């Protein structure tokens, strides 16, 4: 048996497993509608899917604001070097 067929069999087992329960509340999805999000994330209801979407949006917003804050701090900070300013006369 080649490795390709063995791997394909394992992928089939994974797909069946990940559709067993809601990604948020872990409720069984056996004989019910499945609401998908971001391609392969299953949810038992529109409410669970919406809650996950809101958590993802908040996390992304925090990440972006933290990133822009770090970026502005880096632009406003001065390196740890002494800088002398003044006039120099050369004869």
PDB file of N, CA and C in Angstrom:
ATOM      1  N   UNK A   1       0.854  -1.182   0.000  1.00  0.00           N
ATOM      2  CA  UNK A   1       0.000   0.000   0.000  1.00  0.00           C
ATOM      3  C   UNK A   1       0.897   1.242   0.000  1.00  0.00           C
ATOM      4  N   UNK A   2       0.578   2.196  -0.825  1.00  0.00           N
ATOM      5  CA  UNK A   2       1.406   3.396  -0.886  1.00  0.00           C
ATOM      6  C   UNK A   2       1.026   4.369   0.224  1.00  0.00           C
ATOM      7  N   UNK A   3       1.948   5.278   0.532  1.00  0.00           N
ATOM      8  CA  UNK A   3       1.712   6.274   1.565  1.00  0.00           C
ATOM      9  C   UNK A   3       0.589   7.234   1.212  1.00  0.00           C
ATOM     10  N   UNK A   4       0.370   7.470  -0.078  1.00  0.00           N
ATOM     11  CA  UNK A   4      -0.668   8.395  -0.513  1.00  0.00           C
ATOM     12  C   UNK A   4      -2.049   7.918  -0.065  1.00  0.00           C
ATOM     13  N   UNK A   5      -2.336   6.649  -0.287  1.00  0.00           N
ATOM     14  CA  UNK A   5      -3.655   6.128   0.089  1.00  0.00           C
ATOM     15  C   UNK A   5      -3.823   6.084   1.596  1.00  0.00           C
ATOM     16  N   UNK A   6      -2.765   5.773   2.290  1.00  0.00           N
ATOM     17  CA  UNK A   6      -2.829   5.742   3.746  1.00  0.00           C
ATOM     18  C   UNK A   6      -3.149   7.139   4.279  1.00  0.00           C
ATOM     19  N   UNK A   7      -2.478   8.156   3.754  1.00  0.00           N
ATOM     20  CA  UNK A   7      -2.714   9.531   4.189  1.00  0.00           C
ATOM     21  C   UNK A   7      -4.145   9.956   3.870  1.00  0.00           C
ATOM     22  N   UNK A   8      -4.632   9.613   2.681  1.00  0.00           N
ATOM     23  CA  UNK A   8      -5.992   9.992   2.296  1.00  0.00           C
ATOM     24  C   UNK A   8      -7.003   9.388   3.264  1.00  0.00           C
ATOM     25  N   UNK A   9      -6.767   8.172   3.700  1.00  0.00           N
ATOM     26  CA  UNK A   9      -7.662   7.542   4.668  1.00  0.00           C
ATOM     27  C   UNK A   9      -7.655   8.290   5.981  1.00  0.00           C
ATOM     28  N   UNK A  10      -6.514   8.750   6.412  1.00  0.00           N
ATOM     29  CA  UNK A  10      -6.418   9.508   7.656  1.00  0.00           C
ATOM     30  C   UNK A  10      -7.144  10.840   7.539  1.00  0.00           C
ATOM     31  N   UNK A  11      -7.066  11.478   6.387  1.00  0.00           N
ATOM     32  CA  UNK A  11      -7.746  12.761   6.189  1.00  0.00           C
ATOM     33  C   UNK A  11      -9.258  12.578   6.285  1.00  0.00           C
ATOM     34  N   UNK A  12      -9.770  11.476   5.736  1.00  0.00           N
ATOM     35  CA  UNK A  12     -11.209  11.214   5.816  1.00  0.00           C
ATOM     36  C   UNK A  12     -11.652  11.060   7.261  1.00  0.00           C
ATOM     37  N   UNK A  13     -10.842  10.398   8.061  1.00  0.00           N
ATOM     38  CA  UNK A  13     -11.187  10.220   9.469  1.00  0.00           C
ATOM     39  C   UNK A  13     -11.201  11.563  10.187  1.00  0.00           C
ATOM     40  N   UNK A  14     -10.263  12.442   9.870  1.00  0.00           N
ATOM     41  CA  UNK A  14     -10.202  13.753  10.511  1.00  0.00           C
ATOM     42  C   UNK A  14     -11.439  14.578  10.163  1.00  0.00           C
ATOM     43  N   UNK A  15     -11.821  14.585   8.886  1.00  0.00           N
ATOM     44  CA  UNK A  15     -12.972  15.386   8.473  1.00  0.00           C
ATOM     45  C   UNK A  15     -14.231  14.971   9.214  1.00  0.00           C
ATOM     46  N   UNK A  16     -14.460  13.688   9.348  1.00  0.00           N
ATOM     47  CA  UNK A  16     -15.648  13.221  10.053  1.00  0.00           C
ATOM     48  C   UNK A  16     -15.594  13.638  11.518  1.00  0.00           C
ATOM     49  N   UNK A  17     -14.419  13.630  12.104  1.00  0.00           N
ATOM     50  CA  UNK A  17     -14.271  13.961  13.519  1.00  0.00           C
ATOM     51  C   UNK A  17     -14.513  15.452  13.784  1.00  0.00           C
ATOM     52  N   UNK A  18     -13.995  16.316  12.947  1.00  0.00           N
ATOM     53  CA  UNK A  18     -14.109  17.741  13.246  1.00  0.00           C
ATOM     54  C   UNK A  18     -15.530  18.260  13.064  1.00  0.00           C
ATOM     55  N   UNK A  19     -16.390  17.524  12.407  1.00  0.00           N
ATOM     56  CA  UNK A  19     -17.786  17.931  12.259  1.00  0.00           C
ATOM     57  C   UNK A  19     -18.690  17.328  13.332  1.00  0.00           C
ATOM     58  N   UNK A  20     -18.121  16.697  14.337  1.00  0.00           N
ATOM     59  CA  UNK A  20     -18.910  16.060  15.395  1.00  0.00           C
ATOM     60  C   UNK A  20     -19.520  17.054  16.369  1.00  0.00           C
ATOM     61  N   UNK A  21     -18.837  18.177  16.627  1.00  0.00           N
ATOM     62  CA  UNK A  21     -19.293  19.089  17.678  1.00  0.00           C
ATOM     63  C   UNK A  21     -19.080  20.544  17.278  1.00  0.00           C
ATOM     64  N   UNK A  22     -19.878  21.408  17.873  1.00  0.00           N
ATOM     65  CA  UNK A  22     -19.768  22.854  17.680  1.00  0.00           C
ATOM     66  C   UNK A  22     -18.401  23.321  18.175  1.00  0.00           C
ATOM     67  N   UNK A  23     -17.756  24.168  17.424  1.00  0.00           N
ATOM     68  CA  UNK A  23     -16.430  24.657  17.807  1.00  0.00           C
ATOM     69  C   UNK A  23     -16.456  25.561  19.026  1.00  0.00           C
ATOM     70  N   UNK A  24     -17.603  26.136  19.348  1.00  0.00           N
ATOM     71  CA  UNK A  24     -17.684  27.051  20.482  1.00  0.00           C
ATOM     72  C   UNK A  24     -18.211  26.361  21.735  1.00  0.00           C
ATOM     73  N   UNK A  25     -19.391  25.777  21.649  1.00  0.00           N
ATOM     74  CA  UNK A  25     -20.023  25.209  22.848  1.00  0.00           C
ATOM     75  C   UNK A  25     -19.857  23.694  22.959  1.00  0.00           C
ATOM     76  N   UNK A  26     -19.297  23.070  21.948  1.00  0.00           N
ATOM     77  CA  UNK A  26     -19.040  21.623  21.914  1.00  0.00           C
ATOM     78  C   UNK A  26     -20.309  20.773  21.875  1.00  0.00           C
ATOM     79  N   UNK A  27     -21.443  21.370  21.562  1.00  0.00           N
ATOM     80  CA  UNK A  27     -22.697  20.631  21.423  1.00  0.00           C
ATOM     81  C   UNK A  27     -22.587  19.708  20.204  1.00  0.00           C
ATOM     82  N   UNK A  28     -23.148  18.514  20.303  1.00  0.00           N
ATOM     83  CA  UNK A  28     -23.116  17.545  19.217  1.00  0.00           C
ATOM     84  C   UNK A  28     -23.828  18.099  17.983  1.00  0.00           C
ATOM     85  N   UNK A  29     -23.268  17.807  16.813  1.00  0.00           N
ATOM     86  CA  UNK A  29     -23.848  18.280  15.554  1.00  0.00           C
ATOM     87  C   UNK A  29     -24.493  17.146  14.761  1.00  0.00           C
ATOM     88  N   UNK A  30     -24.726  16.029  15.367  1.00  0.00           N
ATOM     89  CA  UNK A  30     -25.137  14.809  14.651  1.00  0.00           C
ATOM     90  C   UNK A  30     -26.269  15.029  13.662  1.00  0.00           C
ATOM     91  N   UNK A  31     -27.474  15.228  14.076  1.00  0.00           N
ATOM     92  CA  UNK A  31     -28.613  15.332  13.164  1.00  0.00           C
ATOM     93  C   UNK A  31     -29.159  16.750  13.106  1.00  0.00           C
ATOM     94  N   UNK A  32     -28.266  17.710  12.998  1.00  0.00           N
ATOM     95  CA  UNK A  32     -28.720  19.098  12.969  1.00  0.00           C
ATOM     96  C   UNK A  32     -28.003  19.869  11.867  1.00  0.00           C
ATOM     97  N   UNK A  33     -28.492  21.056  11.588  1.00  0.00           N
ATOM     98  CA  UNK A  33     -27.839  21.924  10.618  1.00  0.00           C
ATOM     99  C   UNK A  33     -26.480  22.336  11.152  1.00  0.00           C
ATOM    100  N   UNK A  34     -25.551  22.546  10.238  1.00  0.00           N
ATOM    101  CA  UNK A  34     -24.211  22.978  10.621  1.00  0.00           C
ATOM    102  C   UNK A  34     -23.968  24.344   9.992  1.00  0.00           C
ATOM    103  N   UNK A  35     -23.550  25.296  10.793  1.00  0.00           N
ATOM    104  CA  UNK A  35     -23.235  26.645  10.338  1.00  0.00           C
ATOM    105  C   UNK A  35     -21.722  26.770  10.300  1.00  0.00           C
ATOM    106  N   UNK A  36     -21.171  27.014   9.107  1.00  0.00           N
ATOM    107  CA  UNK A  36     -19.717  27.041   8.941  1.00  0.00           C
ATOM    108  C   UNK A  36     -19.198  28.480   8.987  1.00  0.00           C
ATOM    109  N   UNK A  37     -17.934  28.604   9.389  1.00  0.00           N
ATOM    110  CA  UNK A  37     -17.265  29.904   9.468  1.00  0.00           C
ATOM    111  C   UNK A  37     -15.806  29.713   9.107  1.00  0.00           C
ATOM    112  N   UNK A  38     -15.283  30.620   8.314  1.00  0.00           N
ATOM    113  CA  UNK A  38     -13.887  30.598   7.871  1.00  0.00           C
ATOM    114  C   UNK A  38     -13.498  29.255   7.259  1.00  0.00           C
ATOM    115  N   UNK A  39     -14.375  28.750   6.441  1.00  0.00           N
ATOM    116  CA  UNK A  39     -14.057  27.559   5.676  1.00  0.00           C
ATOM    117  C   UNK A  39     -14.340  26.243   6.342  1.00  0.00           C
ATOM    118  N   UNK A  40     -13.752  25.976   7.493  1.00  0.00           N
ATOM    119  CA  UNK A  40     -13.885  24.642   8.067  1.00  0.00           C
ATOM    120  C   UNK A  40     -14.163  24.634   9.564  1.00  0.00           C
ATOM    121  N   UNK A  41     -14.793  25.659  10.078  1.00  0.00           N
ATOM    122  CA  UNK A  41     -15.106  25.711  11.504  1.00  0.00           C
ATOM    123  C   UNK A  41     -16.615  25.560  11.681  1.00  0.00           C
ATOM    124  N   UNK A  42     -17.073  24.433  12.250  1.00  0.00           N
ATOM    125  CA  UNK A  42     -18.508  24.179  12.377  1.00  0.00           C
ATOM    126  C   UNK A  42     -19.114  24.732  13.666  1.00  0.00           C
ATOM    127  N   UNK A  43     -20.366  25.189  13.561  1.00  0.00           N
ATOM    128  CA  UNK A  43     -21.109  25.685  14.721  1.00  0.00           C
ATOM    129  C   UNK A  43     -22.515  25.109  14.698  1.00  0.00           C
ATOM    130  N   UNK A  44     -23.118  24.972  15.879  1.00  0.00           N
ATOM    131  CA  UNK A  44     -24.454  24.380  15.999  1.00  0.00           C
ATOM    132  C   UNK A  44     -25.559  25.386  15.708  1.00  0.00           C
ATOM    133  N   UNK A  45     -25.261  26.677  15.788  1.00  0.00           N
ATOM    134  CA  UNK A  45     -26.301  27.688  15.592  1.00  0.00           C
ATOM    135  C   UNK A  45     -25.697  28.972  15.039  1.00  0.00           C
ATOM    136  N   UNK A  46     -26.572  29.822  14.544  1.00  0.00           N
ATOM    137  CA  UNK A  46     -26.129  31.136  14.077  1.00  0.00           C
ATOM    138  C   UNK A  46     -25.559  31.941  15.237  1.00  0.00           C
ATOM    139  N   UNK A  47     -26.128  31.743  16.422  1.00  0.00           N
ATOM    140  CA  UNK A  47     -25.683  32.494  17.599  1.00  0.00           C
ATOM    141  C   UNK A  47     -24.245  32.130  17.981  1.00  0.00           C
ATOM    142  N   UNK A  48     -23.932  30.832  17.989  1.00  0.00           N
ATOM    143  CA  UNK A  48     -22.558  30.413  18.312  1.00  0.00           C
ATOM    144  C   UNK A  48     -21.585  30.940  17.266  1.00  0.00           C
ATOM    145  N   UNK A  49     -21.976  30.852  15.994  1.00  0.00           N
ATOM    146  CA  UNK A  49     -21.107  31.351  14.928  1.00  0.00           C
ATOM    147  C   UNK A  49     -20.893  32.852  15.077  1.00  0.00           C
ATOM    148  N   UNK A  50     -21.959  33.601  15.374  1.00  0.00           N
ATOM    149  CA  UNK A  50     -21.853  35.051  15.541  1.00  0.00           C
ATOM    150  C   UNK A  50     -20.953  35.404  16.716  1.00  0.00           C
ATOM    151  N   UNK A  51     -21.087  34.663  17.815  1.00  0.00           N
ATOM    152  CA  UNK A  51     -20.246  34.920  18.985  1.00  0.00           C
ATOM    153  C   UNK A  51     -18.772  34.712  18.648  1.00  0.00           C
ATOM    154  N   UNK A  52     -18.465  33.657  17.892  1.00  0.00           N
ATOM    155  CA  UNK A  52     -17.081  33.414  17.487  1.00  0.00           C
ATOM    156  C   UNK A  52     -16.584  34.521  16.573  1.00  0.00           C
ATOM    157  N   UNK A  53     -17.434  34.967  15.654  1.00  0.00           N
ATOM    158  CA  UNK A  53     -17.054  36.045  14.745  1.00  0.00           C
ATOM    159  C   UNK A  53     -16.739  37.321  15.522  1.00  0.00           C
ATOM    160  N   UNK A  54     -17.554  37.631  16.527  1.00  0.00           N
ATOM    161  CA  UNK A  54     -17.324  38.830  17.338  1.00  0.00           C
ATOM    162  C   UNK A  54     -16.035  38.708  18.149  1.00  0.00           C
ATOM    163  N   UNK A  55     -15.759  37.518  18.681  1.00  0.00           N
ATOM    164  CA  UNK A  55     -14.506  37.318  19.428  1.00  0.00           C
ATOM    165  C   UNK A  55     -13.307  37.479  18.502  1.00  0.00           C
ATOM    166  N   UNK A  56     -13.402  36.945  17.277  1.00  0.00           N
ATOM    167  CA  UNK A  56     -12.315  37.079  16.312  1.00  0.00           C
ATOM    168  C   UNK A  56     -12.097  38.536  15.922  1.00  0.00           C
ATOM    169  N   UNK A  57     -13.184  39.272  15.712  1.00  0.00           N
ATOM    170  CA  UNK A  57     -13.074  40.691  15.362  1.00  0.00           C
ATOM    171  C   UNK A  57     -12.433  41.487  16.492  1.00  0.00           C
ATOM    172  N   UNK A  58     -12.821  41.207  17.733  1.00  0.00           N
ATOM    173  CA  UNK A  58     -12.241  41.912  18.879  1.00  0.00           C
ATOM    174  C   UNK A  58     -10.757  41.591  19.007  1.00  0.00           C
ATOM    175  N   UNK A  59     -10.401  40.314  18.824  1.00  0.00           N
ATOM    176  CA  UNK A  59      -8.993  39.912  18.911  1.00  0.00           C
ATOM    177  C   UNK A  59      -8.175  40.596  17.822  1.00  0.00           C
ATOM    178  N   UNK A  60      -8.727  40.648  16.597  1.00  0.00           N
ATOM    179  CA  UNK A  60      -8.032  41.292  15.490  1.00  0.00           C
ATOM    180  C   UNK A  60      -7.888  42.793  15.731  1.00  0.00           C
ATOM    181  N   UNK A  61      -8.928  43.410  16.262  1.00  0.00           N
ATOM    182  CA  UNK A  61      -8.888  44.849  16.558  1.00  0.00           C
ATOM    183  C   UNK A  61      -7.826  45.145  17.619  1.00  0.00           C
ATOM    184  N   UNK A  62      -7.778  44.330  18.670  1.00  0.00           N
ATOM    185  CA  UNK A  62      -6.764  44.507  19.711  1.00  0.00           C
ATOM    186  C   UNK A  62      -5.366  44.305  19.157  1.00  0.00           C
ATOM    187  N   UNK A  63      -5.210  43.320  18.289  1.00  0.00           N
ATOM    188  CA  UNK A  63      -3.901  43.053  17.701  1.00  0.00           C
ATOM    189  C   UNK A  63      -3.455  44.233  16.845  1.00  0.00           C
ATOM    190  N   UNK A  64      -4.386  44.752  16.028  1.00  0.00           N
ATOM    191  CA  UNK A  64      -4.047  45.887  15.169  1.00  0.00           C
ATOM    192  C   UNK A  64      -3.735  47.134  15.986  1.00  0.00           C
ATOM    193  N   UNK A  65      -4.521  47.409  17.038  1.00  0.00           N
ATOM    194  CA  UNK A  65      -4.268  48.605  17.842  1.00  0.00           C
ATOM    195  C   UNK A  65      -2.960  48.460  18.609  1.00  0.00           C
ATOM    196  N   UNK A  66      -2.663  47.279  19.095  1.00  0.00           N
ATOM    197  CA  UNK A  66      -1.391  47.044  19.776  1.00  0.00           C
ATOM    198  C   UNK A  66      -0.222  47.190  18.827  1.00  0.00           C
ATOM    199  N   UNK A  67      -0.415  46.728  17.607  1.00  0.00           N
ATOM    200  CA  UNK A  67       0.644  46.825  16.606  1.00  0.00           C
ATOM    201  C   UNK A  67       0.903  48.284  16.238  1.00  0.00           C
ATOM    202  N   UNK A  68      -0.167  49.065  16.031  1.00  0.00           N
ATOM    203  CA  UNK A  68       0.017  50.470  15.671  1.00  0.00           C
ATOM    204  C   UNK A  68       0.603  51.253  16.836  1.00  0.00           C
ATOM    205  N   UNK A  69       0.250  50.882  18.067  1.00  0.00           N
ATOM    206  CA  UNK A  69       0.813  51.538  19.241  1.00  0.00           C
ATOM    207  C   UNK A  69       2.312  51.266  19.332  1.00  0.00           C
ATOM    208  N   UNK A  70       2.707  50.019  19.126  1.00  0.00           N
ATOM    209  CA  UNK A  70       4.134  49.678  19.153  1.00  0.00           C
ATOM    210  C   UNK A  70       4.878  50.394  18.042  1.00  0.00           C
ATOM    211  N   UNK A  71       4.244  50.510  16.872  1.00  0.00           N
ATOM    212  CA  UNK A  71       4.871  51.177  15.738  1.00  0.00           C
ATOM    213  C   UNK A  71       5.077  52.660  16.031  1.00  0.00           C
ATOM    214  N   UNK A  72       4.071  53.329  16.612  1.00  0.00           N
ATOM    215  CA  UNK A  72       4.202  54.755  16.917  1.00  0.00           C
ATOM    216  C   UNK A  72       5.209  54.974  18.042  1.00  0.00           C
ATOM    217  N   UNK A  73       5.265  54.063  19.011  1.00  0.00           N
ATOM    218  CA  UNK A  73       6.267  54.164  20.073  1.00  0.00           C
ATOM    219  C   UNK A  73       7.672  54.063  19.498  1.00  0.00           C
ATOM    220  N   UNK A  74       7.862  53.189  18.536  1.00  0.00           N
ATOM    221  CA  UNK A  74       9.180  53.016  17.928  1.00  0.00           C
ATOM    222  C   UNK A  74       9.581  54.264  17.147  1.00  0.00           C
ATOM    223  N   UNK A  75       8.619  54.909  16.509  1.00  0.00           N
ATOM    224  CA  UNK A  75       8.921  56.119  15.744  1.00  0.00           C
ATOM    225  C   UNK A  75       9.210  57.301  16.664  1.00  0.00           C
ATOM    226  N   UNK A  76       8.569  57.357  17.817  1.00  0.00           N
ATOM    227  CA  UNK A  76       8.728  58.483  18.730  1.00  0.00           C
ATOM    228  C   UNK A  76       9.910  58.330  19.674  1.00  0.00           C
ATOM    229  N   UNK A  77      10.419  57.142  19.818  1.00  0.00           N
ATOM    230  CA  UNK A  77      11.518  56.942  20.763  1.00  0.00           C
ATOM    231  C   UNK A  77      12.846  57.312  20.114  1.00  0.00           C
ATOM    232  N   UNK A  78      13.767  57.729  20.936  1.00  0.00           N
ATOM    233  CA  UNK A  78      15.105  58.040  20.450  1.00  0.00           C
ATOM    234  C   UNK A  78      16.024  56.912  20.855  1.00  0.00           C
ATOM    235  N   UNK A  79      17.008  56.630  20.048  1.00  0.00           N
ATOM    236  CA  UNK A  79      17.941  55.568  20.408  1.00  0.00           C
ATOM    237  C   UNK A  79      18.749  55.974  21.637  1.00  0.00           C
ATOM    238  N   UNK A  80      19.349  55.013  22.283  1.00  0.00           N
ATOM    239  CA  UNK A  80      20.139  55.267  23.492  1.00  0.00           C
ATOM    240  C   UNK A  80      21.526  55.790  23.130  1.00  0.00           C
ATOM    241  N   UNK A  81      21.572  56.860  22.404  1.00  0.00           N
ATOM    242  CA  UNK A  81      22.840  57.475  22.019  1.00  0.00           C
ATOM    243  C   UNK A  81      22.811  58.936  22.440  1.00  0.00           C
ATOM    244  N   UNK A  82      23.964  59.417  22.868  1.00  0.00           N
ATOM    245  CA  UNK A  82      24.074  60.829  23.214  1.00  0.00           C
ATOM    246  C   UNK A  82      24.305  61.614  21.927  1.00  0.00           C
ATOM    247  N   UNK A  83      23.571  62.687  21.781  1.00  0.00           N
ATOM    248  CA  UNK A  83      23.699  63.509  20.589  1.00  0.00           C
ATOM    249  C   UNK A  83      24.057  64.914  21.039  1.00  0.00           C
ATOM    250  N   UNK A  84      25.150  65.424  20.498  1.00  0.00           N
ATOM    251  CA  UNK A  84      25.558  66.796  20.809  1.00  0.00           C
ATOM    252  C   UNK A  84      25.174  67.692  19.651  1.00  0.00           C
ATOM    253  N   UNK A  85      24.638  68.813  19.983  1.00  0.00           N
ATOM    254  CA  UNK A  85      24.306  69.788  18.953  1.00  0.00           C
ATOM    255  C   UNK A  85      25.055  71.067  19.262  1.00  0.00           C
ATOM    256  N   UNK A  86      25.370  71.797  18.258  1.00  0.00           N
ATOM    257  CA  UNK A  86      26.081  73.051  18.467  1.00  0.00           C
ATOM    258  C   UNK A  86      26.815  73.452  17.195  1.00  0.00           C
ATOM    259  N   UNK A  87      27.645  74.486  17.337  1.00  0.00           N
ATOM    260  CA  UNK A  87      28.390  75.004  16.203  1.00  0.00           C
ATOM    261  C   UNK A  87      29.833  74.561  16.316  1.00  0.00           C
ATOM    262  N   UNK A  88      30.379  74.144  15.192  1.00  0.00           N
ATOM    263  CA  UNK A  88      31.779  73.717  15.160  1.00  0.00           C
ATOM    264  C   UNK A  88      32.512  74.665  14.219  1.00  0.00           C
ATOM    265  N   UNK A  89      33.660  75.198  14.692  1.00  0.00           N
ATOM    266  CA  UNK A  89      34.476  76.082  13.858  1.00  0.00           C
ATOM    267  C   UNK A  89      35.762  75.353  13.516  1.00  0.00           C
ATOM    268  N   UNK A  90      36.112  75.348  12.259  1.00  0.00           N
ATOM    269  CA  UNK A  90      37.331  74.684  11.802  1.00  0.00           C
ATOM    270  C   UNK A  90      38.241  75.762  11.230  1.00  0.00           C
ATOM    271  N   UNK A  91      39.521  75.751  11.679  1.00  0.00           N
ATOM    272  CA  UNK A  91      40.455  76.771  11.210  1.00  0.00           C
ATOM    273  C   UNK A  91      41.408  76.227  10.201  1.00  0.00           C
TER     274      UNK A  91
END
